[in-house]
Amino acid sequence: NAKNTVALQMNSLKPEDTAVYYCAA
């Protein structure tokens, strides 16, 4: 919150994770 950022750490990625990823508020 101090930096006004949100992150998504993605590990063990699979082909099924392929997509356009969107951040939302």
PDB file of all heavy atoms in Angstrom:
ATOM      1  N   ASN A   1       0.808  -1.215   0.000  1.00  0.00           N
ATOM      2  CA  ASN A   1       0.000   0.000   0.000  1.00  0.00           C
ATOM      3  C   ASN A   1       0.844   1.269   0.000  1.00  0.00           C
ATOM      4  O   ASN A   1       0.414   2.303  -0.508  1.00  0.00           O
ATOM      5  CB  ASN A   1      -0.944  -0.002   1.202  1.00  0.00           C
ATOM      6  CG  ASN A   1      -2.054  -1.025   1.063  1.00  0.00           C
ATOM      7  OD1 ASN A   1      -2.390  -1.447  -0.043  1.00  0.00           O
ATOM      8  ND2 ASN A   1      -2.629  -1.428   2.181  1.00  0.00           N
ATOM      9  N   ALA A   2       2.025   1.188   0.567  1.00  0.00           N
ATOM     10  CA  ALA A   2       2.906   2.349   0.583  1.00  0.00           C
ATOM     11  C   ALA A   2       3.398   2.691  -0.816  1.00  0.00           C
ATOM     12  O   ALA A   2       3.647   3.855  -1.126  1.00  0.00           O
ATOM     13  CB  ALA A   2       4.081   2.106   1.516  1.00  0.00           C
ATOM     14  N   LYS A   3       3.539   1.683  -1.660  1.00  0.00           N
ATOM     15  CA  LYS A   3       4.025   1.884  -3.021  1.00  0.00           C
ATOM     16  C   LYS A   3       2.915   1.846  -4.062  1.00  0.00           C
ATOM     17  O   LYS A   3       3.179   2.004  -5.252  1.00  0.00           O
ATOM     18  CB  LYS A   3       5.078   0.833  -3.361  1.00  0.00           C
ATOM     19  CG  LYS A   3       6.329   0.915  -2.508  1.00  0.00           C
ATOM     20  CD  LYS A   3       7.342  -0.134  -2.919  1.00  0.00           C
ATOM     21  CE  LYS A   3       8.610  -0.038  -2.099  1.00  0.00           C
ATOM     22  NZ  LYS A   3       9.606  -1.069  -2.491  1.00  0.00           N
ATOM     23  N   ASN A   4       1.687   1.617  -3.615  1.00  0.00           N
ATOM     24  CA  ASN A   4       0.533   1.542  -4.518  1.00  0.00           C
ATOM     25  C   ASN A   4       0.729   0.480  -5.597  1.00  0.00           C
ATOM     26  O   ASN A   4       0.490   0.718  -6.787  1.00  0.00           O
ATOM     27  CB  ASN A   4       0.261   2.894  -5.167  1.00  0.00           C
ATOM     28  CG  ASN A   4      -0.382   3.884  -4.217  1.00  0.00           C
ATOM     29  OD1 ASN A   4      -0.459   3.662  -3.012  1.00  0.00           O
ATOM     30  ND2 ASN A   4      -0.849   4.997  -4.767  1.00  0.00           N
ATOM     31  N   THR A   5       1.160  -0.678  -5.176  1.00  0.00           N
ATOM     32  CA  THR A   5       1.378  -1.761  -6.125  1.00  0.00           C
ATOM     33  C   THR A   5       0.757  -3.057  -5.631  1.00  0.00           C
ATOM     34  O   THR A   5       0.607  -3.277  -4.429  1.00  0.00           O
ATOM     35  CB  THR A   5       2.873  -2.010  -6.374  1.00  0.00           C
ATOM     36  OG1 THR A   5       3.522  -2.325  -5.139  1.00  0.00           O
ATOM     37  CG2 THR A   5       3.529  -0.792  -7.001  1.00  0.00           C
ATOM     38  N   VAL A   6       0.408  -3.892  -6.569  1.00  0.00           N
ATOM     39  CA  VAL A   6      -0.057  -5.237  -6.276  1.00  0.00           C
ATOM     40  C   VAL A   6       0.688  -6.169  -7.214  1.00  0.00           C
ATOM     41  O   VAL A   6       0.960  -5.816  -8.364  1.00  0.00           O
ATOM     42  CB  VAL A   6      -1.588  -5.367  -6.447  1.00  0.00           C
ATOM     43  CG1 VAL A   6      -2.011  -5.056  -7.878  1.00  0.00           C
ATOM     44  CG2 VAL A   6      -2.059  -6.753  -6.034  1.00  0.00           C
ATOM     45  N   ALA A   7       1.038  -7.333  -6.713  1.00  0.00           N
ATOM     46  CA  ALA A   7       1.817  -8.268  -7.499  1.00  0.00           C
ATOM     47  C   ALA A   7       1.175  -9.639  -7.501  1.00  0.00           C
ATOM     48  O   ALA A   7       0.395  -9.990  -6.613  1.00  0.00           O
ATOM     49  CB  ALA A   7       3.241  -8.363  -6.956  1.00  0.00           C
ATOM     50  N   LEU A   8       1.497 -10.392  -8.520  1.00  0.00           N
ATOM     51  CA  LEU A   8       1.066 -11.779  -8.608  1.00  0.00           C
ATOM     52  C   LEU A   8       2.284 -12.619  -8.940  1.00  0.00           C
ATOM     53  O   LEU A   8       2.802 -12.556 -10.056  1.00  0.00           O
ATOM     54  CB  LEU A   8      -0.007 -11.956  -9.682  1.00  0.00           C
ATOM     55  CG  LEU A   8      -0.597 -13.366  -9.787  1.00  0.00           C
ATOM     56  CD1 LEU A   8      -1.438 -13.677  -8.551  1.00  0.00           C
ATOM     57  CD2 LEU A   8      -1.444 -13.505 -11.051  1.00  0.00           C
ATOM     58  N   GLN A   9       2.742 -13.356  -7.955  1.00  0.00           N
ATOM     59  CA  GLN A   9       3.859 -14.260  -8.153  1.00  0.00           C
ATOM     60  C   GLN A   9       3.311 -15.581  -8.650  1.00  0.00           C
ATOM     61  O   GLN A   9       2.489 -16.205  -7.983  1.00  0.00           O
ATOM     62  CB  GLN A   9       4.632 -14.463  -6.854  1.00  0.00           C
ATOM     63  CG  GLN A   9       5.788 -15.443  -6.952  1.00  0.00           C
ATOM     64  CD  GLN A   9       6.894 -14.959  -7.857  1.00  0.00           C
ATOM     65  OE1 GLN A   9       7.294 -13.803  -7.777  1.00  0.00           O
ATOM     66  NE2 GLN A   9       7.389 -15.828  -8.728  1.00  0.00           N
ATOM     67  N   MET A  10       3.752 -16.011  -9.813  1.00  0.00           N
ATOM     68  CA  MET A  10       3.248 -17.221 -10.434  1.00  0.00           C
ATOM     69  C   MET A  10       4.378 -18.231 -10.544  1.00  0.00           C
ATOM     70  O   MET A  10       5.359 -18.001 -11.254  1.00  0.00           O
ATOM     71  CB  MET A  10       2.662 -16.922 -11.812  1.00  0.00           C
ATOM     72  CG  MET A  10       1.577 -15.849 -11.802  1.00  0.00           C
ATOM     73  SD  MET A  10       0.812 -15.607 -13.428  1.00  0.00           S
ATOM     74  CE  MET A  10       2.224 -14.960 -14.335  1.00  0.00           C
ATOM     75  N   ASN A  11       4.228 -19.336  -9.844  1.00  0.00           N
ATOM     76  CA  ASN A  11       5.216 -20.401  -9.860  1.00  0.00           C
ATOM     77  C   ASN A  11       4.613 -21.661 -10.464  1.00  0.00           C
ATOM     78  O   ASN A  11       3.400 -21.809 -10.562  1.00  0.00           O
ATOM     79  CB  ASN A  11       5.714 -20.692  -8.445  1.00  0.00           C
ATOM     80  CG  ASN A  11       6.388 -19.515  -7.800  1.00  0.00           C
ATOM     81  OD1 ASN A  11       7.057 -18.724  -8.460  1.00  0.00           O
ATOM     82  ND2 ASN A  11       6.238 -19.391  -6.484  1.00  0.00           N
ATOM     83  N   SER A  12       5.482 -22.575 -10.838  1.00  0.00           N
ATOM     84  CA  SER A  12       5.051 -23.852 -11.407  1.00  0.00           C
ATOM     85  C   SER A  12       4.029 -23.654 -12.509  1.00  0.00           C
ATOM     86  O   SER A  12       2.978 -24.301 -12.551  1.00  0.00           O
ATOM     87  CB  SER A  12       4.477 -24.752 -10.307  1.00  0.00           C
ATOM     88  OG  SER A  12       5.430 -24.991  -9.294  1.00  0.00           O
ATOM     89  N   LEU A  13       4.334 -22.774 -13.411  1.00  0.00           N
ATOM     90  CA  LEU A  13       3.394 -22.419 -14.465  1.00  0.00           C
ATOM     91  C   LEU A  13       3.114 -23.588 -15.401  1.00  0.00           C
ATOM     92  O   LEU A  13       3.994 -24.397 -15.691  1.00  0.00           O
ATOM     93  CB  LEU A  13       3.916 -21.229 -15.249  1.00  0.00           C
ATOM     94  CG  LEU A  13       3.765 -19.888 -14.532  1.00  0.00           C
ATOM     95  CD1 LEU A  13       4.668 -18.840 -15.152  1.00  0.00           C
ATOM     96  CD2 LEU A  13       2.304 -19.440 -14.577  1.00  0.00           C
ATOM     97  N   LYS A  14       1.877 -23.637 -15.843  1.00  0.00           N
ATOM     98  CA  LYS A  14       1.405 -24.673 -16.747  1.00  0.00           C
ATOM     99  C   LYS A  14       0.927 -24.038 -18.045  1.00  0.00           C
ATOM    100  O   LYS A  14       0.548 -22.871 -18.060  1.00  0.00           O
ATOM    101  CB  LYS A  14       0.243 -25.448 -16.114  1.00  0.00           C
ATOM    102  CG  LYS A  14       0.533 -26.035 -14.747  1.00  0.00           C
ATOM    103  CD  LYS A  14      -0.727 -26.648 -14.152  1.00  0.00           C
ATOM    104  CE  LYS A  14      -0.468 -27.221 -12.782  1.00  0.00           C
ATOM    105  NZ  LYS A  14      -1.704 -27.799 -12.187  1.00  0.00           N
ATOM    106  N   PRO A  15       0.916 -24.795 -19.134  1.00  0.00           N
ATOM    107  CA  PRO A  15       0.376 -24.241 -20.380  1.00  0.00           C
ATOM    108  C   PRO A  15      -1.042 -23.718 -20.221  1.00  0.00           C
ATOM    109  O   PRO A  15      -1.420 -22.758 -20.897  1.00  0.00           O
ATOM    110  CB  PRO A  15       0.432 -25.439 -21.333  1.00  0.00           C
ATOM    111  CG  PRO A  15       1.578 -26.241 -20.835  1.00  0.00           C
ATOM    112  CD  PRO A  15       1.506 -26.123 -19.338  1.00  0.00           C
ATOM    113  N   GLU A  16      -1.811 -24.312 -19.331  1.00  0.00           N
ATOM    114  CA  GLU A  16      -3.179 -23.888 -19.078  1.00  0.00           C
ATOM    115  C   GLU A  16      -3.264 -22.504 -18.446  1.00  0.00           C
ATOM    116  O   GLU A  16      -4.342 -21.907 -18.396  1.00  0.00           O
ATOM    117  CB  GLU A  16      -3.897 -24.903 -18.179  1.00  0.00           C
ATOM    118  CG  GLU A  16      -4.117 -26.270 -18.813  1.00  0.00           C
ATOM    119  CD  GLU A  16      -2.851 -27.102 -18.886  1.00  0.00           C
ATOM    120  OE1 GLU A  16      -1.978 -26.955 -18.003  1.00  0.00           O
ATOM    121  OE2 GLU A  16      -2.722 -27.895 -19.835  1.00  0.00           O
ATOM    122  N   ASP A  17      -2.149 -21.992 -17.958  1.00  0.00           N
ATOM    123  CA  ASP A  17      -2.117 -20.648 -17.393  1.00  0.00           C
ATOM    124  C   ASP A  17      -1.983 -19.574 -18.462  1.00  0.00           C
ATOM    125  O   ASP A  17      -2.061 -18.384 -18.157  1.00  0.00           O
ATOM    126  CB  ASP A  17      -0.959 -20.511 -16.402  1.00  0.00           C
ATOM    127  CG  ASP A  17      -1.118 -21.408 -15.193  1.00  0.00           C
ATOM    128  OD1 ASP A  17      -2.244 -21.498 -14.659  1.00  0.00           O
ATOM    129  OD2 ASP A  17      -0.117 -22.018 -14.774  1.00  0.00           O
ATOM    130  N   THR A  18      -1.759 -19.982 -19.694  1.00  0.00           N
ATOM    131  CA  THR A  18      -1.610 -19.027 -20.781  1.00  0.00           C
ATOM    132  C   THR A  18      -2.872 -18.188 -20.940  1.00  0.00           C
ATOM    133  O   THR A  18      -3.962 -18.726 -21.114  1.00  0.00           O
ATOM    134  CB  THR A  18      -1.296 -19.753 -22.094  1.00  0.00           C
ATOM    135  OG1 THR A  18      -0.031 -20.405 -21.990  1.00  0.00           O
ATOM    136  CG2 THR A  18      -1.253 -18.773 -23.262  1.00  0.00           C
ATOM    137  N   ALA A  19      -2.714 -16.888 -20.874  1.00  0.00           N
ATOM    138  CA  ALA A  19      -3.846 -15.976 -20.959  1.00  0.00           C
ATOM    139  C   ALA A  19      -3.340 -14.543 -20.875  1.00  0.00           C
ATOM    140  O   ALA A  19      -2.168 -14.300 -20.591  1.00  0.00           O
ATOM    141  CB  ALA A  19      -4.846 -16.234 -19.823  1.00  0.00           C
ATOM    142  N   VAL A  20      -4.241 -13.618 -21.115  1.00  0.00           N
ATOM    143  CA  VAL A  20      -3.965 -12.226 -20.812  1.00  0.00           C
ATOM    144  C   VAL A  20      -4.393 -12.001 -19.371  1.00  0.00           C
ATOM    145  O   VAL A  20      -5.531 -12.307 -19.001  1.00  0.00           O
ATOM    146  CB  VAL A  20      -4.722 -11.269 -21.749  1.00  0.00           C
ATOM    147  CG1 VAL A  20      -4.498  -9.819 -21.328  1.00  0.00           C
ATOM    148  CG2 VAL A  20      -4.270 -11.474 -23.185  1.00  0.00           C
ATOM    149  N   TYR A  21      -3.501 -11.475 -18.570  1.00  0.00           N
ATOM    150  CA  TYR A  21      -3.774 -11.249 -17.163  1.00  0.00           C
ATOM    151  C   TYR A  21      -4.078  -9.782 -16.915  1.00  0.00           C
ATOM    152  O   TYR A  21      -3.346  -8.900 -17.377  1.00  0.00           O
ATOM    153  CB  TYR A  21      -2.585 -11.689 -16.314  1.00  0.00           C
ATOM    154  CG  TYR A  21      -2.506 -13.183 -16.159  1.00  0.00           C
ATOM    155  CD1 TYR A  21      -2.167 -13.994 -17.237  1.00  0.00           C
ATOM    156  CD2 TYR A  21      -2.792 -13.799 -14.939  1.00  0.00           C
ATOM    157  CE1 TYR A  21      -2.116 -15.365 -17.111  1.00  0.00           C
ATOM    158  CE2 TYR A  21      -2.736 -15.173 -14.807  1.00  0.00           C
ATOM    159  CZ  TYR A  21      -2.398 -15.951 -15.893  1.00  0.00           C
ATOM    160  OH  TYR A  21      -2.343 -17.320 -15.754  1.00  0.00           O
ATOM    161  N   TYR A  22      -5.155  -9.533 -16.175  1.00  0.00           N
ATOM    162  CA  TYR A  22      -5.619  -8.185 -15.905  1.00  0.00           C
ATOM    163  C   TYR A  22      -5.602  -7.877 -14.418  1.00  0.00           C
ATOM    164  O   TYR A  22      -6.025  -8.694 -13.599  1.00  0.00           O
ATOM    165  CB  TYR A  22      -7.050  -7.989 -16.413  1.00  0.00           C
ATOM    166  CG  TYR A  22      -7.217  -8.146 -17.904  1.00  0.00           C
ATOM    167  CD1 TYR A  22      -7.483  -9.383 -18.466  1.00  0.00           C
ATOM    168  CD2 TYR A  22      -7.115  -7.039 -18.737  1.00  0.00           C
ATOM    169  CE1 TYR A  22      -7.648  -9.526 -19.832  1.00  0.00           C
ATOM    170  CE2 TYR A  22      -7.284  -7.173 -20.105  1.00  0.00           C
ATOM    171  CZ  TYR A  22      -7.550  -8.415 -20.646  1.00  0.00           C
ATOM    172  OH  TYR A  22      -7.720  -8.553 -22.000  1.00  0.00           O
ATOM    173  N   CYS A  23      -5.149  -6.711 -14.098  1.00  0.00           N
ATOM    174  CA  CYS A  23      -5.224  -6.178 -12.749  1.00  0.00           C
ATOM    175  C   CYS A  23      -6.512  -5.378 -12.624  1.00  0.00           C
ATOM    176  O   CYS A  23      -6.895  -4.662 -13.547  1.00  0.00           O
ATOM    177  CB  CYS A  23      -4.006  -5.288 -12.484  1.00  0.00           C
ATOM    178  SG  CYS A  23      -3.993  -4.455 -10.888  1.00  0.00           S
ATOM    179  N   ALA A  24      -7.194  -5.503 -11.497  1.00  0.00           N
ATOM    180  CA  ALA A  24      -8.457  -4.807 -11.295  1.00  0.00           C
ATOM    181  C   ALA A  24      -8.538  -4.225  -9.897  1.00  0.00           C
ATOM    182  O   ALA A  24      -7.954  -4.761  -8.954  1.00  0.00           O
ATOM    183  CB  ALA A  24      -9.630  -5.762 -11.532  1.00  0.00           C
ATOM    184  N   ALA A  25      -9.291  -3.140  -9.769  1.00  0.00           N
ATOM    185  CA  ALA A  25      -9.495  -2.473  -8.485  1.00  0.00           C
ATOM    186  C   ALA A  25     -10.975  -2.216  -8.278  1.00  0.00           C
ATOM    187  O   ALA A  25     -11.674  -1.791  -9.200  1.00  0.00           O
ATOM    188  CB  ALA A  25      -8.718  -1.158  -8.432  1.00  0.00           C
TER     189      ALA A  25
END
